[in-house]
C-alpha atoms as a PDB file:
ATOM      1  CA  MET A   1      -0.153 -32.865  15.941  1.00  0.00           C
ATOM      2  CA  ALA A   2       0.444 -31.212  12.577  1.00  0.00           C
ATOM      3  CA  LYS A   3       0.418 -27.400  12.474  1.00  0.00           C
ATOM      4  CA  ASN A   4      -1.992 -25.583  10.075  1.00  0.00           C
ATOM      5  CA  LYS A   5       0.165 -23.658   7.746  1.00  0.00           C
ATOM      6  CA  GLY A   6      -2.766 -21.638   6.080  1.00  0.00           C
ATOM      7  CA  SER A   7      -2.296 -18.490   8.232  1.00  0.00           C
ATOM      8  CA  ARG A   8       0.992 -17.487   6.816  1.00  0.00           C
ATOM      9  CA  ILE A   9       0.990 -16.124   3.283  1.00  0.00           C
ATOM     10  CA  ILE A  10       3.656 -14.731   0.871  1.00  0.00           C
ATOM     11  CA  ILE A  11       3.196 -11.053  -0.013  1.00  0.00           C
ATOM     12  CA  THR A  12       4.902  -8.687  -2.239  1.00  0.00           C
ATOM     13  CA  LEU A  13       6.153  -5.185  -1.311  1.00  0.00           C
ATOM     14  CA  GLU A  14       6.576  -2.523  -3.973  1.00  0.00           C
ATOM     15  CA  CYS A  15       8.248   0.928  -3.692  1.00  0.00           C
ATOM     16  CA  GLU A  16       5.692   3.784  -3.866  1.00  0.00           C
ATOM     17  CA  CYS A  17       8.145   5.856  -5.791  1.00  0.00           C
ATOM     18  CA  LYS A  18       7.194   4.367  -9.122  1.00  0.00           C
ATOM     19  CA  ASN A  19       4.284   6.687  -9.044  1.00  0.00           C
ATOM     20  CA  LEU A  20       6.276   9.950  -8.887  1.00  0.00           C
ATOM     21  CA  ALA A  21       7.250  12.051 -11.783  1.00  0.00           C
ATOM     22  CA  GLN A  22      10.900  11.474 -12.686  1.00  0.00           C
ATOM     23  CA  THR A  23      12.794  14.807 -12.243  1.00  0.00           C
ATOM     24  CA  ASN A  24      16.174  15.632 -13.218  1.00  0.00           C
ATOM     25  CA  ASP A  25      17.665  13.239 -10.794  1.00  0.00           C
ATOM     26  CA  ASN A  26      19.920  10.855 -12.719  1.00  0.00           C
ATOM     27  CA  LYS A  27      19.998   8.570  -9.740  1.00  0.00           C
ATOM     28  CA  ARG A  28      16.698   7.186 -10.521  1.00  0.00           C
ATOM     29  CA  LYS A  29      16.819   3.864 -12.458  1.00  0.00           C
ATOM     30  CA  LYS A  30      13.787   2.670 -14.710  1.00  0.00           C
ATOM     31  CA  GLY A  31      11.657   0.124 -13.342  1.00  0.00           C
ATOM     32  CA  VAL A  32      10.064  -0.925 -10.084  1.00  0.00           C
ATOM     33  CA  PHE A  33      11.737  -2.500  -7.173  1.00  0.00           C
ATOM     34  CA  ARG A  34      10.050  -5.351  -5.203  1.00  0.00           C
ATOM     35  CA  TYR A  35      10.620  -7.219  -2.005  1.00  0.00           C
ATOM     36  CA  THR A  36       8.912 -10.593  -1.119  1.00  0.00           C
ATOM     37  CA  SER A  37       8.143 -11.404   2.603  1.00  0.00           C
ATOM     38  CA  SER A  38       5.605 -13.438   4.497  1.00  0.00           C
ATOM     39  CA  LYS A  39       2.922 -12.378   7.096  1.00  0.00           C
ATOM     40  CA  ASN A  40       0.500 -13.988   9.378  1.00  0.00           C
ATOM     41  CA  ARG A  41      -2.936 -13.324   7.892  1.00  0.00           C
ATOM     42  CA  ARG A  42      -4.646 -13.372  11.474  1.00  0.00           C
ATOM     43  CA  ASN A  43      -2.152 -10.947  13.113  1.00  0.00           C
ATOM     44  CA  THR A  44      -1.997  -8.482  10.360  1.00  0.00           C
ATOM     45  CA  PRO A  45      -5.205  -8.530   8.090  1.00  0.00           C
ATOM     46  CA  ASN A  46      -4.621  -5.060   6.863  1.00  0.00           C
ATOM     47  CA  ARG A  47      -2.096  -4.379   4.154  1.00  0.00           C
ATOM     48  CA  LEU A  48       1.560  -3.918   5.285  1.00  0.00           C
ATOM     49  CA  GLU A  49       3.719  -0.858   4.890  1.00  0.00           C
ATOM     50  CA  VAL A  50       7.454  -0.938   5.725  1.00  0.00           C
ATOM     51  CA  ASN A  51      10.280   1.347   5.168  1.00  0.00           C
ATOM     52  CA  LYS A  52      13.084  -0.364   3.335  1.00  0.00           C
ATOM     53  CA  PHE A  53      15.842   0.551   0.845  1.00  0.00           C
ATOM     54  CA  CYS A  54      15.122   0.972  -2.903  1.00  0.00           C
ATOM     55  CA  PRO A  55      18.316   0.743  -4.823  1.00  0.00           C
ATOM     56  CA  TYR A  56      16.376   2.407  -7.836  1.00  0.00           C
ATOM     57  CA  CYS A  57      15.506   5.503  -5.804  1.00  0.00           C
ATOM     58  CA  ASN A  58      18.878   5.045  -3.964  1.00  0.00           C
ATOM     59  CA  LYS A  59      17.204   6.023  -0.541  1.00  0.00           C
ATOM     60  CA  HIS A  60      14.804   4.502   1.983  1.00  0.00           C
ATOM     61  CA  CYS A  61      11.287   4.932   1.211  1.00  0.00           C
ATOM     62  CA  LYS A  62       7.857   3.191   1.866  1.00  0.00           C
ATOM     63  CA  PHE A  63       7.081  -0.405   0.530  1.00  0.00           C
ATOM     64  CA  LYS A  64       3.383  -1.097   0.231  1.00  0.00           C
ATOM     65  CA  GLU A  65       1.906  -4.510  -0.057  1.00  0.00           C
ATOM     66  CA  ILE A  66       0.327  -5.268  -3.437  1.00  0.00           C
ATOM     67  CA  LYS A  67      -1.853  -8.085  -4.507  1.00  0.00           C
END
């Protein structure tokens, strides 16, 4: 029997620090960092939030799923 591959989708995770105002912190680079991953649509129908390392912020922060 063939498996149905329609339940797993590819998602994009984007750092939420892009919305923060840039202070006098010179460690912050310009731009937005994104990860790609996959999730099971049936098990996690809501948007995903994961703590990952952002090289632009140089720290761990929340990455939220974007459309």
